[in-house]
Amino acid sequence: MDSDLRRAAVAALGELGRSEDWRDRADAGHGLAGFAEMQEAVEPLLGLVLDSGDTFVTRRTAQGLLRRKDRAGLAIVASALAVANDNHADWIHTAASDVLSLFAEDLDEALRLCEELSGDTDDRVARGARRLYKGLAGGDPVLRPA
């Protein structure tokens, strides 16, 4: 893994995420989600999940983070959800439904990660994880194991 190239990609996507065009910001959020484990990507990703210009950017970025199906992506979504206004929170929950409503194992893993993150030392992550858990707990996935 070439860490210099990864940092350069994060920097370039971060710059794209500051574009005036909502399509650029949505693409940046989707692309940056692949680098969520890198500290340099966290702040730009939080800004894109909470994009003040267009909630499509919120949805697309949150979808990308949740599709990772890991702690790094879910922690960023939870951190954003903790401070999100009602409109952004609705779009974050919509993204969660988009990603996690098909397979029962995906929903179960997300709920497990939310439980784990609800005890995080970062209060913002912990609060957001509890809020996300509440939103996901009533979910009824389409496909369950046989």
Protein backbone atom coordinates (compact mmCIF):
# COMPACT_ATOMS: atom_id res chain seq x y z
CA MET A 1 0.00 0.00 0.00
CA ASP A 2 1.43 3.34 -1.02
CA SER A 3 0.62 5.75 1.81
CA ASP A 4 1.88 8.78 -0.12
CA LEU A 5 -0.52 8.08 -2.99
CA ARG A 6 -3.37 7.47 -0.55
CA ARG A 7 -2.70 10.81 1.18
CA ALA A 8 -2.58 12.52 -2.22
CA ALA A 9 -5.92 10.94 -3.16
CA VAL A 10 -7.47 12.12 0.11
CA ALA A 11 -6.11 15.64 -0.47
CA ALA A 12 -7.46 15.73 -4.04
CA LEU A 13 -10.88 14.42 -2.99
CA GLY A 14 -10.93 16.85 -0.08
CA GLU A 15 -10.36 19.68 -2.54
CA LEU A 16 -13.16 18.36 -4.77
CA GLY A 17 -15.36 18.25 -1.67
CA ARG A 18 -15.03 22.04 -1.37
CA SER A 19 -16.44 22.62 -4.87
CA GLU A 20 -19.43 24.88 -5.41
CA ASP A 21 -21.05 22.12 -7.49
CA TRP A 22 -23.09 19.61 -5.47
CA ARG A 23 -22.21 16.84 -7.95
CA ASP A 24 -18.51 17.33 -7.27
CA ARG A 25 -19.12 17.26 -3.51
CA ALA A 26 -21.25 14.10 -3.79
CA ASP A 27 -18.54 12.38 -5.86
CA ALA A 28 -15.90 13.50 -3.36
CA GLY A 29 -17.89 12.07 -0.45
CA HIS A 30 -18.41 8.78 -2.26
CA GLY A 31 -14.71 8.56 -3.12
CA LEU A 32 -13.45 9.69 0.28
CA ALA A 33 -15.52 7.01 2.00
CA GLY A 34 -12.97 4.50 0.73
CA PHE A 35 -10.34 6.26 2.86
CA ALA A 36 -12.40 6.61 6.06
CA GLU A 37 -9.79 4.78 8.12
CA MET A 38 -7.30 7.58 7.41
CA GLN A 39 -7.31 10.43 9.91
CA GLU A 40 -6.87 12.95 7.09
CA ALA A 41 -10.23 11.91 5.60
CA VAL A 42 -12.34 12.19 8.76
CA GLU A 43 -12.95 15.97 8.82
CA PRO A 44 -13.72 16.28 5.10
CA LEU A 45 -16.10 13.32 5.37
CA LEU A 46 -17.88 14.82 8.38
CA GLY A 47 -18.29 18.06 6.45
CA LEU A 48 -19.76 16.24 3.46
CA VAL A 49 -22.19 14.17 5.54
CA LEU A 50 -23.38 17.47 7.00
CA ASP A 51 -23.20 19.35 3.66
CA SER A 52 -25.12 22.61 3.99
CA GLY A 53 -25.68 23.02 0.25
CA ASP A 54 -27.42 19.80 -0.81
CA THR A 55 -28.72 16.78 1.08
CA PHE A 56 -27.89 14.53 -1.88
CA VAL A 57 -24.27 15.01 -0.80
CA THR A 58 -25.27 13.91 2.70
CA ARG A 59 -27.02 10.80 1.41
CA ARG A 60 -24.29 9.78 -1.06
CA THR A 61 -21.48 10.26 1.45
CA ALA A 62 -23.32 8.40 4.23
CA GLN A 63 -24.12 5.57 1.82
CA GLY A 64 -20.46 5.24 0.88
CA LEU A 65 -19.40 5.19 4.52
CA LEU A 66 -22.03 2.63 5.52
CA ARG A 67 -21.22 0.39 2.54
CA ARG A 68 -17.80 -0.11 4.08
CA LYS A 69 -19.58 -2.11 6.79
CA ASP A 70 -16.85 -1.34 9.28
CA ARG A 71 -16.17 0.64 12.41
CA ALA A 72 -14.40 3.51 10.62
CA GLY A 73 -17.31 4.28 8.30
CA LEU A 74 -19.99 3.84 10.92
CA ALA A 75 -18.12 6.00 13.45
CA ILE A 76 -18.03 8.93 11.02
CA VAL A 77 -21.74 8.56 10.25
CA ALA A 78 -22.51 8.36 13.97
CA SER A 79 -20.39 11.41 14.73
CA ALA A 80 -22.24 13.41 12.08
CA LEU A 81 -25.63 12.13 13.22
CA ALA A 82 -24.96 13.30 16.78
CA VAL A 83 -24.94 16.94 15.65
CA ALA A 84 -27.16 16.72 12.56
CA ASN A 85 -30.27 18.84 12.25
CA ASP A 86 -33.53 16.99 11.63
CA ASN A 87 -33.28 17.30 7.85
CA HIS A 88 -29.76 15.89 7.69
CA ALA A 89 -30.66 13.20 10.21
CA ASP A 90 -33.54 12.09 7.97
CA TRP A 91 -31.17 11.76 4.99
CA ILE A 92 -28.57 9.91 7.06
CA HIS A 93 -31.28 7.46 8.16
CA THR A 94 -32.42 7.15 4.53
CA ALA A 95 -28.86 6.28 3.53
CA ALA A 96 -28.74 3.68 6.31
CA SER A 97 -31.97 2.18 5.07
CA ASP A 98 -30.65 2.17 1.48
CA VAL A 99 -27.55 0.25 2.50
CA LEU A 100 -28.73 -1.93 5.36
CA SER A 101 -32.29 -2.94 4.53
CA LEU A 102 -31.54 -5.75 2.09
CA PHE A 103 -29.52 -8.37 3.99
CA ALA A 104 -30.24 -9.30 7.61
CA GLU A 105 -26.56 -9.95 8.31
CA ASP A 106 -25.65 -6.42 7.20
CA LEU A 107 -28.25 -4.92 9.53
CA ASP A 108 -27.19 -7.21 12.39
CA GLU A 109 -23.54 -6.22 11.97
CA ALA A 110 -24.43 -2.52 11.87
CA LEU A 111 -26.48 -2.90 15.05
CA ARG A 112 -23.56 -4.71 16.71
CA LEU A 113 -21.17 -1.93 15.69
CA CYS A 114 -23.62 0.70 16.96
CA GLU A 115 -23.77 -1.08 20.34
CA GLU A 116 -19.97 -1.17 20.44
CA LEU A 117 -19.64 2.49 19.45
CA SER A 118 -22.30 3.59 21.95
CA GLY A 119 -19.61 3.15 24.60
CA ASP A 120 -16.95 5.05 22.64
CA THR A 121 -14.79 7.52 24.55
CA ASP A 122 -15.73 10.21 22.01
CA ASP A 123 -19.10 11.39 23.31
CA ARG A 124 -20.20 12.57 19.88
CA VAL A 125 -19.60 9.13 18.35
CA ALA A 126 -21.33 7.44 21.29
CA ARG A 127 -24.42 9.69 21.08
CA GLY A 128 -24.68 9.29 17.32
CA ALA A 129 -24.27 5.52 17.55
CA ARG A 130 -27.15 5.34 20.02
CA ARG A 131 -29.28 7.51 17.73
CA LEU A 132 -28.41 5.38 14.69
CA TYR A 133 -29.14 2.19 16.63
CA LYS A 134 -32.63 3.47 17.48
CA GLY A 135 -33.25 4.22 13.83
CA LEU A 136 -32.03 0.81 12.68
CA ALA A 137 -33.47 -1.37 15.43
CA GLY A 138 -36.94 -1.52 13.90
CA GLY A 139 -35.62 -2.40 10.46
CA ASP A 140 -36.97 -5.40 8.62
CA PRO A 141 -34.46 -6.58 6.01
CA VAL A 142 -35.73 -8.12 2.79
CA LEU A 143 -33.44 -11.17 2.81
CA ARG A 144 -32.81 -13.35 5.85
CA PRO A 145 -30.70 -16.50 6.15
CA ALA A 146 -32.56 -19.68 5.24
